[in-house]
Amino acid sequence: MTLTTANETGPVYQSTQHAMLVAWGRFARHLEVSQRVRDAVQIARQANAIPGGDLILQFALASLAGYEYLQDLNKGTHPLVHDQAVADAWDVRFAHYTNVSRFLYQVDAATVETVEAELAAMLQPFLQRAVHEAVSQQGYLTLCGDLTGRPVSAYSRTYPPDTVFGYMANQLSNNTRKWNSRNLCEKLLAPMVL
């Protein structure tokens, strides 16, 4: 995969098993996601420790990579911590999964809210543009839920055994969140005038 940055004069060739993460990372780097998350996480760390924002991003990248367990960051078939192309694309330093786990236990609700607010602020212009384009071209906005129709795992303890996901048979399934359409539209379109 070929990568170039503003500070480089030519392409950099790196091998990766996580090409989509690299593409998303290049876009995230354009938005300065890693720096904004680092700034949002104000949990005290040792001077030479990996920033807390990087550990939160590493946890998010594990999810984006499809890892079922946090230990897959180091022990999986294609360990993310050894993928320098992903680290470079996202501008993060990777830590051992045990460090990520320990840090996540230190994260309080206020930090989570701060990170969520920062991510929402980054995404809001893209959502507004997409909603505005859809409403301008079509005159309406279609909101879809999970369309997979996958049943919940038989081992789930949080849902009744007969619960299924998504929009099926022209109705919302049991566990699909029913949004108040007025509140949702106000949230999506808040600062935008149509």
N, C-alpha and C. Protein backbone atom coordinates (compact mmCIF):
# COMPACT_ATOMS: atom_id res chain seq x y z
N MET A 1 0.84 -1.17 0.00
CA MET A 1 0.00 0.00 0.00
C MET A 1 0.89 1.23 0.00
N THR A 2 0.56 2.23 -0.79
CA THR A 2 1.35 3.44 -0.90
C THR A 2 0.73 4.54 -0.04
N LEU A 3 1.55 5.14 0.81
CA LEU A 3 1.10 6.24 1.66
C LEU A 3 2.01 7.43 1.45
N THR A 4 1.44 8.61 1.47
CA THR A 4 2.26 9.82 1.48
C THR A 4 1.66 10.75 2.52
N THR A 5 2.51 11.53 3.16
CA THR A 5 2.06 12.53 4.11
C THR A 5 2.61 13.87 3.69
N ALA A 6 2.16 14.91 4.37
CA ALA A 6 2.59 16.26 4.02
C ALA A 6 4.09 16.44 4.21
N ASN A 7 4.69 15.69 5.12
CA ASN A 7 6.11 15.84 5.42
C ASN A 7 7.01 14.97 4.56
N GLU A 8 6.44 14.14 3.72
CA GLU A 8 7.23 13.21 2.92
C GLU A 8 7.31 13.69 1.48
N THR A 9 8.44 13.40 0.85
CA THR A 9 8.62 13.82 -0.53
C THR A 9 8.15 12.78 -1.52
N GLY A 10 8.05 11.53 -1.11
CA GLY A 10 7.64 10.47 -2.02
C GLY A 10 6.79 9.44 -1.31
N PRO A 11 6.36 8.42 -2.03
CA PRO A 11 5.51 7.40 -1.42
C PRO A 11 6.29 6.52 -0.44
N VAL A 12 5.54 5.99 0.52
CA VAL A 12 6.08 5.04 1.49
C VAL A 12 5.34 3.73 1.25
N TYR A 13 6.07 2.64 1.12
CA TYR A 13 5.44 1.34 0.87
C TYR A 13 5.43 0.54 2.15
N GLN A 14 4.23 0.11 2.56
CA GLN A 14 4.07 -0.68 3.77
C GLN A 14 3.12 -1.82 3.49
N SER A 15 3.36 -2.93 4.14
CA SER A 15 2.51 -4.10 4.01
C SER A 15 1.49 -4.09 5.15
N THR A 16 0.25 -4.47 4.86
CA THR A 16 -0.78 -4.47 5.90
C THR A 16 -1.79 -5.58 5.66
N GLN A 17 -2.38 -6.05 6.73
CA GLN A 17 -3.50 -6.98 6.66
C GLN A 17 -4.81 -6.24 6.94
N HIS A 18 -4.72 -4.93 7.14
CA HIS A 18 -5.88 -4.13 7.54
C HIS A 18 -6.02 -2.91 6.62
N ALA A 19 -6.15 -3.15 5.33
CA ALA A 19 -6.14 -2.07 4.34
C ALA A 19 -7.27 -1.06 4.57
N MET A 20 -8.46 -1.52 4.94
CA MET A 20 -9.56 -0.58 5.15
C MET A 20 -9.28 0.33 6.34
N LEU A 21 -8.64 -0.21 7.38
CA LEU A 21 -8.28 0.63 8.52
C LEU A 21 -7.28 1.71 8.11
N VAL A 22 -6.42 1.39 7.16
CA VAL A 22 -5.45 2.38 6.67
C VAL A 22 -6.20 3.49 5.93
N ALA A 23 -7.15 3.13 5.09
CA ALA A 23 -7.92 4.14 4.36
C ALA A 23 -8.71 5.02 5.33
N TRP A 24 -9.39 4.40 6.28
CA TRP A 24 -10.13 5.18 7.28
C TRP A 24 -9.16 6.04 8.10
N GLY A 25 -7.99 5.50 8.39
CA GLY A 25 -7.00 6.23 9.17
C GLY A 25 -6.50 7.47 8.44
N ARG A 26 -6.31 7.35 7.14
CA ARG A 26 -5.87 8.52 6.37
C ARG A 26 -6.92 9.62 6.42
N PHE A 27 -8.19 9.23 6.34
CA PHE A 27 -9.27 10.22 6.46
C PHE A 27 -9.30 10.78 7.88
N ALA A 28 -9.15 9.91 8.88
CA ALA A 28 -9.14 10.35 10.29
C ALA A 28 -7.97 11.29 10.55
N ARG A 29 -6.86 11.03 9.91
CA ARG A 29 -5.69 11.90 10.08
C ARG A 29 -5.97 13.27 9.48
N HIS A 30 -6.67 13.30 8.36
CA HIS A 30 -7.07 14.57 7.75
C HIS A 30 -7.94 15.38 8.71
N LEU A 31 -8.80 14.69 9.47
CA LEU A 31 -9.68 15.35 10.44
C LEU A 31 -9.00 15.58 11.79
N GLU A 32 -7.75 15.12 11.92
CA GLU A 32 -6.99 15.22 13.17
C GLU A 32 -7.69 14.51 14.33
N VAL A 33 -8.27 13.36 14.04
CA VAL A 33 -9.01 12.60 15.06
C VAL A 33 -8.12 12.24 16.23
N SER A 34 -6.95 11.70 15.97
CA SER A 34 -6.11 11.24 17.08
C SER A 34 -5.71 12.40 18.00
N GLN A 35 -5.36 13.53 17.44
CA GLN A 35 -4.98 14.67 18.28
C GLN A 35 -6.17 15.20 19.07
N ARG A 36 -7.32 15.24 18.44
CA ARG A 36 -8.52 15.74 19.13
C ARG A 36 -8.95 14.80 20.24
N VAL A 37 -8.81 13.49 20.03
CA VAL A 37 -9.14 12.53 21.10
C VAL A 37 -8.09 12.62 22.21
N ARG A 38 -6.82 12.76 21.84
CA ARG A 38 -5.77 12.94 22.87
C ARG A 38 -6.08 14.15 23.74
N ASP A 39 -6.47 15.25 23.11
CA ASP A 39 -6.77 16.47 23.85
C ASP A 39 -8.01 16.31 24.73
N ALA A 40 -8.95 15.47 24.30
CA ALA A 40 -10.19 15.26 25.06
C ALA A 40 -9.98 14.38 26.28
N VAL A 41 -8.98 13.51 26.25
CA VAL A 41 -8.75 12.58 27.36
C VAL A 41 -7.75 13.21 28.32
N GLN A 42 -8.24 13.60 29.48
CA GLN A 42 -7.41 14.29 30.47
C GLN A 42 -7.16 13.42 31.70
N ILE A 43 -6.79 12.18 31.49
CA ILE A 43 -6.47 11.28 32.60
C ILE A 43 -4.95 11.27 32.76
N ALA A 44 -4.50 11.50 33.99
CA ALA A 44 -3.06 11.59 34.26
C ALA A 44 -2.35 10.28 33.90
N ARG A 45 -1.22 10.41 33.21
CA ARG A 45 -0.41 9.27 32.80
C ARG A 45 1.04 9.60 33.08
N GLN A 46 1.89 8.59 33.13
CA GLN A 46 3.32 8.83 33.28
C GLN A 46 3.83 9.60 32.07
N ALA A 47 4.92 10.31 32.27
CA ALA A 47 5.45 11.18 31.22
C ALA A 47 5.76 10.44 29.92
N ASN A 48 6.29 9.23 30.01
CA ASN A 48 6.67 8.49 28.80
C ASN A 48 5.61 7.48 28.36
N ALA A 49 4.46 7.49 29.01
CA ALA A 49 3.40 6.53 28.68
C ALA A 49 2.69 6.94 27.39
N ILE A 50 2.12 5.95 26.74
CA ILE A 50 1.31 6.21 25.55
C ILE A 50 0.09 7.03 25.97
N PRO A 51 -0.25 8.09 25.25
CA PRO A 51 -1.38 8.93 25.63
C PRO A 51 -2.69 8.14 25.73
N GLY A 52 -3.53 8.55 26.67
CA GLY A 52 -4.81 7.88 26.87
C GLY A 52 -5.69 7.90 25.63
N GLY A 53 -5.62 8.99 24.87
CA GLY A 53 -6.39 9.06 23.63
C GLY A 53 -6.00 7.98 22.65
N ASP A 54 -4.71 7.66 22.60
CA ASP A 54 -4.24 6.59 21.71
C ASP A 54 -4.78 5.23 22.16
N LEU A 55 -4.88 5.03 23.48
CA LEU A 55 -5.39 3.75 23.98
C LEU A 55 -6.89 3.61 23.67
N ILE A 56 -7.62 4.72 23.77
CA ILE A 56 -9.04 4.68 23.42
C ILE A 56 -9.20 4.42 21.92
N LEU A 57 -8.38 5.06 21.10
CA LEU A 57 -8.44 4.80 19.66
C LEU A 57 -8.04 3.37 19.34
N GLN A 58 -7.08 2.83 20.06
CA GLN A 58 -6.68 1.44 19.84
C GLN A 58 -7.84 0.50 20.15
N PHE A 59 -8.59 0.79 21.20
CA PHE A 59 -9.78 0.01 21.53
C PHE A 59 -10.81 0.11 20.39
N ALA A 60 -11.01 1.31 19.86
CA ALA A 60 -11.95 1.50 18.75
C ALA A 60 -11.47 0.77 17.50
N LEU A 61 -10.17 0.81 17.24
CA LEU A 61 -9.62 0.13 16.06
C LEU A 61 -9.78 -1.38 16.18
N ALA A 62 -9.70 -1.91 17.40
CA ALA A 62 -9.93 -3.35 17.59
C ALA A 62 -11.34 -3.71 17.15
N SER A 63 -12.28 -2.85 17.48
CA SER A 63 -13.66 -3.08 17.06
C SER A 63 -13.80 -2.97 15.55
N LEU A 64 -13.20 -1.94 14.96
CA LEU A 64 -13.26 -1.77 13.50
C LEU A 64 -12.57 -2.92 12.77
N ALA A 65 -11.56 -3.50 13.39
CA ALA A 65 -10.85 -4.63 12.77
C ALA A 65 -11.64 -5.93 12.91
N GLY A 66 -12.73 -5.90 13.67
CA GLY A 66 -13.57 -7.08 13.83
C GLY A 66 -13.10 -8.03 14.91
N TYR A 67 -12.24 -7.55 15.79
CA TYR A 67 -11.75 -8.42 16.86
C TYR A 67 -12.86 -8.69 17.87
N GLU A 68 -12.94 -9.94 18.28
CA GLU A 68 -13.94 -10.32 19.28
C GLU A 68 -13.43 -10.05 20.69
N TYR A 69 -12.13 -10.20 20.87
CA TYR A 69 -11.52 -10.03 22.19
C TYR A 69 -10.41 -9.00 22.12
N LEU A 70 -10.22 -8.27 23.21
CA LEU A 70 -9.18 -7.26 23.26
C LEU A 70 -7.79 -7.88 23.08
N GLN A 71 -7.61 -9.09 23.56
CA GLN A 71 -6.30 -9.75 23.43
C GLN A 71 -5.93 -10.02 21.97
N ASP A 72 -6.91 -9.99 21.07
CA ASP A 72 -6.61 -10.18 19.65
C ASP A 72 -5.72 -9.07 19.09
N LEU A 73 -5.67 -7.93 19.80
CA LEU A 73 -4.76 -6.86 19.38
C LEU A 73 -3.32 -7.36 19.30
N ASN A 74 -2.96 -8.25 20.23
CA ASN A 74 -1.60 -8.80 20.27
C ASN A 74 -1.53 -10.26 19.85
N LYS A 75 -2.58 -11.02 20.14
CA LYS A 75 -2.51 -12.47 19.96
C LYS A 75 -3.37 -12.99 18.81
N GLY A 76 -4.04 -12.11 18.09
CA GLY A 76 -4.91 -12.54 17.00
C GLY A 76 -4.13 -13.05 15.80
N THR A 77 -4.85 -13.52 14.80
CA THR A 77 -4.23 -14.03 13.58
C THR A 77 -3.38 -12.97 12.89
N HIS A 78 -3.90 -11.75 12.84
CA HIS A 78 -3.18 -10.61 12.26
C HIS A 78 -3.17 -9.50 13.31
N PRO A 79 -2.22 -9.55 14.25
CA PRO A 79 -2.22 -8.59 15.37
C PRO A 79 -2.10 -7.14 14.89
N LEU A 80 -3.01 -6.33 15.34
CA LEU A 80 -3.04 -4.93 14.95
C LEU A 80 -1.83 -4.17 15.48
N VAL A 81 -1.33 -4.55 16.65
CA VAL A 81 -0.21 -3.80 17.23
C VAL A 81 1.07 -3.93 16.41
N HIS A 82 1.14 -4.92 15.53
CA HIS A 82 2.32 -5.09 14.68
C HIS A 82 2.13 -4.47 13.30
N ASP A 83 0.99 -3.84 13.07
CA ASP A 83 0.69 -3.27 11.75
C ASP A 83 1.07 -1.79 11.73
N GLN A 84 2.28 -1.52 11.31
CA GLN A 84 2.79 -0.15 11.31
C GLN A 84 2.03 0.75 10.34
N ALA A 85 1.49 0.18 9.28
CA ALA A 85 0.72 0.98 8.31
C ALA A 85 -0.51 1.59 8.98
N VAL A 86 -1.18 0.82 9.83
CA VAL A 86 -2.36 1.32 10.54
C VAL A 86 -1.94 2.38 11.55
N ALA A 87 -0.89 2.11 12.30
CA ALA A 87 -0.41 3.08 13.30
C ALA A 87 -0.03 4.40 12.64
N ASP A 88 0.64 4.33 11.50
CA ASP A 88 1.02 5.54 10.78
C ASP A 88 -0.19 6.27 10.23
N ALA A 89 -1.13 5.53 9.66
CA ALA A 89 -2.31 6.14 9.07
C ALA A 89 -3.15 6.88 10.11
N TRP A 90 -3.30 6.28 11.29
CA TRP A 90 -4.10 6.87 12.35
C TRP A 90 -3.30 7.82 13.24
N ASP A 91 -1.98 7.84 13.10
CA ASP A 91 -1.12 8.66 13.94
C ASP A 91 -1.30 8.29 15.42
N VAL A 92 -1.21 6.99 15.70
CA VAL A 92 -1.31 6.50 17.08
C VAL A 92 -0.12 5.60 17.40
N ARG A 93 0.14 5.48 18.70
CA ARG A 93 1.12 4.52 19.19
C ARG A 93 0.34 3.38 19.82
N PHE A 94 0.68 2.16 19.46
CA PHE A 94 -0.02 1.00 20.00
C PHE A 94 0.65 0.50 21.27
N ALA A 95 -0.18 -0.01 22.18
CA ALA A 95 0.29 -0.58 23.43
C ALA A 95 -0.17 -2.04 23.51
N HIS A 96 0.36 -2.76 24.47
CA HIS A 96 -0.09 -4.13 24.72
C HIS A 96 -1.55 -4.08 25.17
N TYR A 97 -2.32 -5.09 24.82
CA TYR A 97 -3.75 -5.08 25.12
C TYR A 97 -4.02 -4.96 26.62
N THR A 98 -3.13 -5.45 27.47
CA THR A 98 -3.34 -5.34 28.92
C THR A 98 -3.28 -3.87 29.36
N ASN A 99 -2.43 -3.08 28.72
CA ASN A 99 -2.39 -1.64 29.02
C ASN A 99 -3.69 -0.96 28.61
N VAL A 100 -4.21 -1.35 27.46
CA VAL A 100 -5.49 -0.80 26.99
C VAL A 100 -6.58 -1.15 27.99
N SER A 101 -6.63 -2.40 28.41
CA SER A 101 -7.65 -2.86 29.35
C SER A 101 -7.56 -2.10 30.67
N ARG A 102 -6.36 -1.99 31.22
CA ARG A 102 -6.19 -1.27 32.49
C ARG A 102 -6.61 0.19 32.36
N PHE A 103 -6.26 0.80 31.23
CA PHE A 103 -6.63 2.20 31.04
C PHE A 103 -8.14 2.37 30.95
N LEU A 104 -8.80 1.46 30.25
CA LEU A 104 -10.26 1.57 30.09
C LEU A 104 -10.98 1.51 31.43
N TYR A 105 -10.41 0.78 32.40
CA TYR A 105 -11.00 0.75 33.74
C TYR A 105 -10.86 2.09 34.44
N GLN A 106 -9.89 2.91 34.05
CA GLN A 106 -9.69 4.22 34.67
C GLN A 106 -10.59 5.30 34.06
N VAL A 107 -11.12 5.04 32.89
CA VAL A 107 -11.92 6.05 32.19
C VAL A 107 -13.25 6.24 32.91
N ASP A 108 -13.56 7.49 33.24
CA ASP A 108 -14.81 7.78 33.93
C ASP A 108 -15.86 8.27 32.92
N ALA A 109 -17.08 8.45 33.41
CA ALA A 109 -18.20 8.84 32.54
C ALA A 109 -17.96 10.21 31.91
N ALA A 110 -17.34 11.12 32.64
CA ALA A 110 -17.08 12.46 32.09
C ALA A 110 -16.13 12.39 30.90
N THR A 111 -15.12 11.53 30.98
CA THR A 111 -14.18 11.38 29.86
C THR A 111 -14.88 10.79 28.65
N VAL A 112 -15.72 9.79 28.88
CA VAL A 112 -16.49 9.18 27.79
C VAL A 112 -17.36 10.23 27.11
N GLU A 113 -18.04 11.05 27.91
CA GLU A 113 -18.90 12.09 27.35
C GLU A 113 -18.09 13.11 26.55
N THR A 114 -16.90 13.45 27.05
CA THR A 114 -16.05 14.40 26.34
C THR A 114 -15.60 13.85 25.00
N VAL A 115 -15.18 12.58 24.98
CA VAL A 115 -14.75 11.95 23.73
C VAL A 115 -15.93 11.83 22.76
N GLU A 116 -17.09 11.42 23.27
CA GLU A 116 -18.28 11.33 22.41
C GLU A 116 -18.62 12.69 21.81
N ALA A 117 -18.56 13.74 22.62
CA ALA A 117 -18.87 15.09 22.13
C ALA A 117 -17.87 15.52 21.06
N GLU A 118 -16.61 15.20 21.26
CA GLU A 118 -15.58 15.57 20.28
C GLU A 118 -15.81 14.83 18.96
N LEU A 119 -16.11 13.53 19.04
CA LEU A 119 -16.38 12.76 17.82
C LEU A 119 -17.64 13.25 17.12
N ALA A 120 -18.67 13.56 17.90
CA ALA A 120 -19.91 14.08 17.32
C ALA A 120 -19.66 15.41 16.61
N ALA A 121 -18.82 16.26 17.21
CA ALA A 121 -18.50 17.55 16.59
C ALA A 121 -17.77 17.35 15.27
N MET A 122 -16.92 16.32 15.20
CA MET A 122 -16.20 16.04 13.95
C MET A 122 -17.15 15.52 12.87
N LEU A 123 -18.12 14.70 13.27
CA LEU A 123 -19.01 14.07 12.29
C LEU A 123 -20.18 14.96 11.87
N GLN A 124 -20.56 15.93 12.70
CA GLN A 124 -21.74 16.74 12.44
C GLN A 124 -21.73 17.39 11.06
N PRO A 125 -20.64 17.99 10.59
CA PRO A 125 -20.68 18.60 9.25
C PRO A 125 -20.96 17.59 8.14
N PHE A 126 -20.45 16.37 8.28
CA PHE A 126 -20.69 15.34 7.26
C PHE A 126 -22.15 14.88 7.29
N LEU A 127 -22.70 14.72 8.49
CA LEU A 127 -24.10 14.34 8.60
C LEU A 127 -25.00 15.43 8.03
N GLN A 128 -24.71 16.67 8.39
CA GLN A 128 -25.52 17.78 7.88
C GLN A 128 -25.49 17.84 6.36
N ARG A 129 -24.31 17.69 5.79
CA ARG A 129 -24.17 17.74 4.33
C ARG A 129 -24.96 16.60 3.68
N ALA A 130 -24.86 15.39 4.23
CA ALA A 130 -25.56 14.24 3.66
C ALA A 130 -27.07 14.39 3.79
N VAL A 131 -27.52 14.85 4.95
CA VAL A 131 -28.96 15.04 5.15
C VAL A 131 -29.47 16.15 4.23
N HIS A 132 -28.74 17.24 4.15
CA HIS A 132 -29.16 18.35 3.30
C HIS A 132 -29.25 17.91 1.84
N GLU A 133 -28.26 17.14 1.39
CA GLU A 133 -28.25 16.65 0.01
C GLU A 133 -29.45 15.74 -0.26
N ALA A 134 -29.73 14.83 0.68
CA ALA A 134 -30.86 13.91 0.49
C ALA A 134 -32.18 14.66 0.46
N VAL A 135 -32.35 15.58 1.39
CA VAL A 135 -33.61 16.33 1.45
C VAL A 135 -33.74 17.25 0.24
N SER A 136 -32.65 17.86 -0.19
CA SER A 136 -32.69 18.76 -1.35
C SER A 136 -33.04 18.02 -2.63
N GLN A 137 -32.47 16.83 -2.82
CA GLN A 137 -32.67 16.09 -4.06
C GLN A 137 -33.97 15.29 -4.06
N GLN A 138 -34.32 14.70 -2.92
CA GLN A 138 -35.48 13.81 -2.88
C GLN A 138 -36.70 14.44 -2.23
N GLY A 139 -36.49 15.46 -1.41
CA GLY A 139 -37.61 16.08 -0.71
C GLY A 139 -37.97 15.37 0.57
N TYR A 140 -37.29 14.29 0.89
CA TYR A 140 -37.55 13.56 2.13
C TYR A 140 -36.28 12.84 2.57
N LEU A 141 -36.30 12.35 3.78
CA LEU A 141 -35.16 11.65 4.35
C LEU A 141 -35.62 10.28 4.83
N THR A 142 -34.96 9.24 4.36
CA THR A 142 -35.29 7.88 4.77
C THR A 142 -34.28 7.44 5.83
N LEU A 143 -34.77 7.01 6.97
CA LEU A 143 -33.91 6.50 8.04
C LEU A 143 -34.12 5.00 8.14
N CYS A 144 -33.03 4.25 8.11
CA CYS A 144 -33.10 2.79 8.18
C CYS A 144 -32.41 2.29 9.43
N GLY A 145 -32.93 1.21 9.96
CA GLY A 145 -32.27 0.55 11.09
C GLY A 145 -31.45 -0.61 10.58
N ASP A 146 -31.21 -1.55 11.45
CA ASP A 146 -30.46 -2.75 11.09
C ASP A 146 -31.33 -3.60 10.17
N LEU A 147 -30.86 -3.81 8.96
CA LEU A 147 -31.65 -4.55 7.98
C LEU A 147 -31.22 -6.01 7.85
N THR A 148 -30.33 -6.46 8.72
CA THR A 148 -29.80 -7.81 8.57
C THR A 148 -30.79 -8.88 8.98
N GLY A 149 -31.65 -8.57 9.93
CA GLY A 149 -32.61 -9.58 10.39
C GLY A 149 -31.97 -10.73 11.13
N ARG A 150 -30.80 -10.50 11.71
CA ARG A 150 -30.13 -11.57 12.43
C ARG A 150 -30.77 -11.78 13.79
N PRO A 151 -31.02 -13.04 14.17
CA PRO A 151 -31.52 -13.26 15.52
C PRO A 151 -30.41 -13.04 16.54
N VAL A 152 -30.82 -12.66 17.74
CA VAL A 152 -29.87 -12.49 18.83
C VAL A 152 -29.32 -13.85 19.22
N SER A 153 -28.09 -13.88 19.66
CA SER A 153 -27.45 -15.13 20.08
C SER A 153 -28.29 -15.87 21.11
N ALA A 154 -28.30 -17.18 21.01
CA ALA A 154 -29.03 -18.01 21.97
C ALA A 154 -28.44 -17.88 23.37
N TYR A 155 -27.20 -17.41 23.46
CA TYR A 155 -26.53 -17.28 24.76
C TYR A 155 -26.72 -15.89 25.37
N SER A 156 -27.43 -15.01 24.69
CA SER A 156 -27.62 -13.66 25.18
C SER A 156 -28.44 -13.66 26.46
N ARG A 157 -28.05 -12.81 27.39
CA ARG A 157 -28.80 -12.70 28.65
C ARG A 157 -29.57 -11.39 28.71
N THR A 158 -29.42 -10.55 27.72
CA THR A 158 -30.05 -9.24 27.78
C THR A 158 -31.33 -9.14 26.94
N TYR A 159 -31.62 -10.13 26.12
CA TYR A 159 -32.81 -10.10 25.29
C TYR A 159 -33.58 -11.41 25.45
N PRO A 160 -34.91 -11.34 25.29
CA PRO A 160 -35.67 -12.59 25.31
C PRO A 160 -35.25 -13.49 24.15
N PRO A 161 -35.40 -14.80 24.28
CA PRO A 161 -34.93 -15.73 23.24
C PRO A 161 -35.58 -15.52 21.87
N ASP A 162 -36.79 -14.96 21.80
CA ASP A 162 -37.46 -14.80 20.51
C ASP A 162 -37.21 -13.44 19.86
N THR A 163 -36.34 -12.62 20.43
CA THR A 163 -36.07 -11.29 19.90
C THR A 163 -35.17 -11.37 18.67
N VAL A 164 -35.47 -10.55 17.67
CA VAL A 164 -34.65 -10.49 16.46
C VAL A 164 -34.34 -9.03 16.15
N PHE A 165 -33.28 -8.80 15.38
CA PHE A 165 -32.86 -7.45 15.02
C PHE A 165 -33.57 -6.97 13.76
N GLY A 166 -33.72 -5.67 13.65
CA GLY A 166 -33.95 -5.02 12.38
C GLY A 166 -35.37 -4.81 11.93
N TYR A 167 -35.47 -4.33 10.71
CA TYR A 167 -36.73 -4.03 10.05
C TYR A 167 -37.07 -5.22 9.18
N MET A 168 -38.09 -5.95 9.59
CA MET A 168 -38.47 -7.16 8.85
C MET A 168 -39.98 -7.22 8.75
N ALA A 169 -40.46 -7.77 7.68
CA ALA A 169 -41.90 -7.94 7.46
C ALA A 169 -42.64 -6.61 7.62
N ASN A 170 -42.04 -5.55 7.07
CA ASN A 170 -42.63 -4.21 7.09
C ASN A 170 -42.93 -3.66 8.47
N GLN A 171 -42.15 -4.07 9.47
CA GLN A 171 -42.30 -3.49 10.80
C GLN A 171 -40.98 -3.55 11.55
N LEU A 172 -40.87 -2.70 12.58
CA LEU A 172 -39.67 -2.72 13.41
C LEU A 172 -39.71 -3.93 14.31
N SER A 173 -38.58 -4.59 14.46
CA SER A 173 -38.51 -5.74 15.36
C SER A 173 -38.47 -5.28 16.81
N ASN A 174 -38.59 -6.25 17.70
CA ASN A 174 -38.71 -5.97 19.13
C ASN A 174 -37.63 -5.07 19.69
N ASN A 175 -36.38 -5.32 19.36
CA ASN A 175 -35.32 -4.58 20.02
C ASN A 175 -34.78 -3.42 19.19
N THR A 176 -35.42 -3.09 18.08
CA THR A 176 -34.98 -1.93 17.31
C THR A 176 -35.48 -0.68 18.01
N ARG A 177 -34.58 0.25 18.26
CA ARG A 177 -34.96 1.47 18.97
C ARG A 177 -35.93 2.27 18.12
N LYS A 178 -37.03 2.65 18.71
CA LYS A 178 -38.01 3.47 18.01
C LYS A 178 -37.73 4.93 18.36
N TRP A 179 -37.26 5.66 17.38
CA TRP A 179 -36.86 7.04 17.61
C TRP A 179 -38.06 7.96 17.53
N ASN A 180 -38.04 8.98 18.34
CA ASN A 180 -38.98 10.07 18.19
C ASN A 180 -38.50 10.86 16.98
N SER A 181 -39.23 10.82 15.88
CA SER A 181 -38.74 11.39 14.62
C SER A 181 -38.46 12.89 14.74
N ARG A 182 -39.25 13.59 15.52
CA ARG A 182 -39.01 15.04 15.67
C ARG A 182 -37.67 15.29 16.35
N ASN A 183 -37.39 14.57 17.44
CA ASN A 183 -36.12 14.76 18.16
C ASN A 183 -34.94 14.36 17.28
N LEU A 184 -35.08 13.28 16.53
CA LEU A 184 -33.99 12.83 15.67
C LEU A 184 -33.69 13.86 14.60
N CYS A 185 -34.72 14.37 13.95
CA CYS A 185 -34.52 15.37 12.90
C CYS A 185 -33.93 16.65 13.48
N GLU A 186 -34.39 17.05 14.68
CA GLU A 186 -33.83 18.24 15.31
C GLU A 186 -32.34 18.05 15.57
N LYS A 187 -31.96 16.86 15.99
CA LYS A 187 -30.55 16.59 16.29
C LYS A 187 -29.72 16.59 15.00
N LEU A 188 -30.23 15.96 13.95
CA LEU A 188 -29.50 15.90 12.69
C LEU A 188 -29.41 17.26 12.00
N LEU A 189 -30.49 18.00 12.08
CA LEU A 189 -30.59 19.23 11.29
C LEU A 189 -30.40 20.49 12.12
N ALA A 190 -30.06 20.36 13.40
CA ALA A 190 -30.04 21.48 14.34
C ALA A 190 -29.52 22.80 13.76
N PRO A 191 -28.26 22.89 13.38
CA PRO A 191 -27.77 24.18 12.91
C PRO A 191 -28.01 24.43 11.43
N MET A 192 -28.71 23.53 10.76
CA MET A 192 -28.85 23.64 9.31
C MET A 192 -30.23 24.18 8.96
N VAL A 193 -30.28 25.08 8.03
CA VAL A 193 -31.54 25.61 7.53
C VAL A 193 -31.77 25.01 6.15
N LEU A 194 -32.93 24.41 5.95
CA LEU A 194 -33.24 23.80 4.65
C LEU A 194 -34.00 24.77 3.77
